[in-house]
Protein backbone atom coordinates (compact mmCIF):
# COMPACT_ATOMS: atom_id res chain seq x y z
CA MET A 1 -18.23 3.57 -1.91
CA LEU A 2 -19.44 4.85 1.42
CA SER A 3 -18.46 8.13 3.01
CA ASP A 4 -17.22 8.16 6.48
CA GLU A 5 -20.55 10.19 7.59
CA ASP A 6 -22.58 7.31 5.85
CA LYS A 7 -20.61 4.61 7.78
CA LYS A 8 -20.35 6.72 11.25
CA ASP A 9 -23.33 5.29 12.99
CA VAL A 10 -22.07 1.75 12.32
CA VAL A 11 -18.48 2.35 13.18
CA ALA A 12 -19.58 4.21 16.37
CA ASN A 13 -21.77 1.17 17.64
CA LYS A 14 -19.48 -1.82 16.14
CA ALA A 15 -19.05 -3.18 19.65
CA ASN A 16 -22.88 -3.38 19.89
CA TYR A 17 -23.54 -5.30 16.58
CA SER A 18 -22.58 -8.74 15.32
CA LEU A 19 -20.97 -9.21 11.86
CA ASP A 20 -24.16 -10.04 10.48
CA GLU A 21 -25.82 -6.85 11.99
CA ILE A 22 -22.98 -4.73 10.59
CA GLU A 23 -23.31 -6.12 7.28
CA LYS A 24 -27.01 -5.64 7.09
CA GLU A 25 -26.74 -2.20 8.36
CA LEU A 26 -24.17 -1.40 5.41
CA SER A 27 -26.06 -3.14 2.88
CA VAL A 28 -29.21 -0.90 3.69
CA ILE A 29 -26.95 2.21 3.55
CA CYS A 30 -25.73 1.12 0.18
CA VAL A 31 -29.11 0.48 -1.29
CA ARG A 32 -30.65 3.76 0.10
CA LYS A 33 -27.62 5.52 -1.30
CA LYS A 34 -27.96 3.71 -4.53
CA VAL A 35 -24.03 2.71 -4.38
CA ASN A 36 -22.76 1.55 -7.77
CA PHE A 37 -20.71 -1.57 -7.23
CA THR A 38 -19.21 -1.49 -10.71
CA ASN A 39 -15.25 -1.68 -10.85
CA ASP A 40 -13.89 1.83 -11.82
CA ASP A 41 -11.31 -0.02 -14.06
CA THR A 42 -13.83 -1.53 -16.32
CA THR A 43 -12.75 1.05 -19.02
CA SER A 44 -9.53 -0.75 -19.57
CA ASP A 45 -11.40 -4.11 -19.74
CA ASN A 46 -13.30 -2.84 -22.61
CA ALA A 47 -10.23 -2.36 -24.55
CA ALA A 48 -9.27 -5.81 -24.18
CA ASP A 49 -12.58 -6.90 -25.61
CA ALA A 50 -11.91 -4.69 -28.85
CA PRO A 51 -11.02 -6.87 -32.01
CA ILE A 52 -7.20 -7.01 -32.80
CA VAL A 53 -6.69 -5.82 -36.31
CA TYR A 54 -3.59 -7.06 -38.36
CA ASN A 55 -2.40 -5.11 -41.54
CA LEU A 56 -0.04 -7.19 -43.42
CA ASP A 57 0.64 -4.47 -46.05
CA ALA A 58 1.84 -1.79 -43.44
CA HIS A 59 5.39 -0.77 -43.50
CA GLN A 60 7.19 -2.14 -40.45
CA ALA A 61 9.35 0.49 -38.48
CA ASP A 62 13.18 -0.51 -38.96
CA ALA A 63 14.72 -0.60 -35.80
CA THR A 64 18.10 -0.77 -37.14
CA PRO A 65 19.99 2.53 -36.05
CA ALA A 66 21.18 5.06 -38.79
CA TRP A 67 24.72 4.63 -37.94
CA LEU A 68 24.53 0.94 -38.56
CA LYS A 69 22.76 1.37 -41.75
CA ALA A 70 25.52 3.82 -42.99
CA VAL A 71 28.13 1.26 -41.89
CA ASP A 72 26.32 -1.42 -43.90
CA ASN A 73 25.90 1.11 -47.16
CA ILE A 74 29.62 1.73 -47.00
CA LYS A 75 30.33 -2.10 -46.70
CA ASN A 76 28.15 -2.71 -49.78
CA ARG A 77 30.00 -0.30 -51.80
CA ASN A 78 33.42 -1.57 -51.08
CA ASP A 79 32.13 -5.29 -51.80
């Protein structure tokens, strides 16, 4: 979210800062840079919110291989 240039001063002086001071400095930089904290993966989450649609009239794809259908057709002709 922040570039190395943005963090340069904090990183250079990290030995002089406490953890709270580092957090404050980085927070101020984030506010000044108007950093967007939203997750980039939210587009995939939006798909999960979409309604699920079922269609009972749709033709289901037959997973039976063509060669097996041919064998069944030959078997049925002989019966």
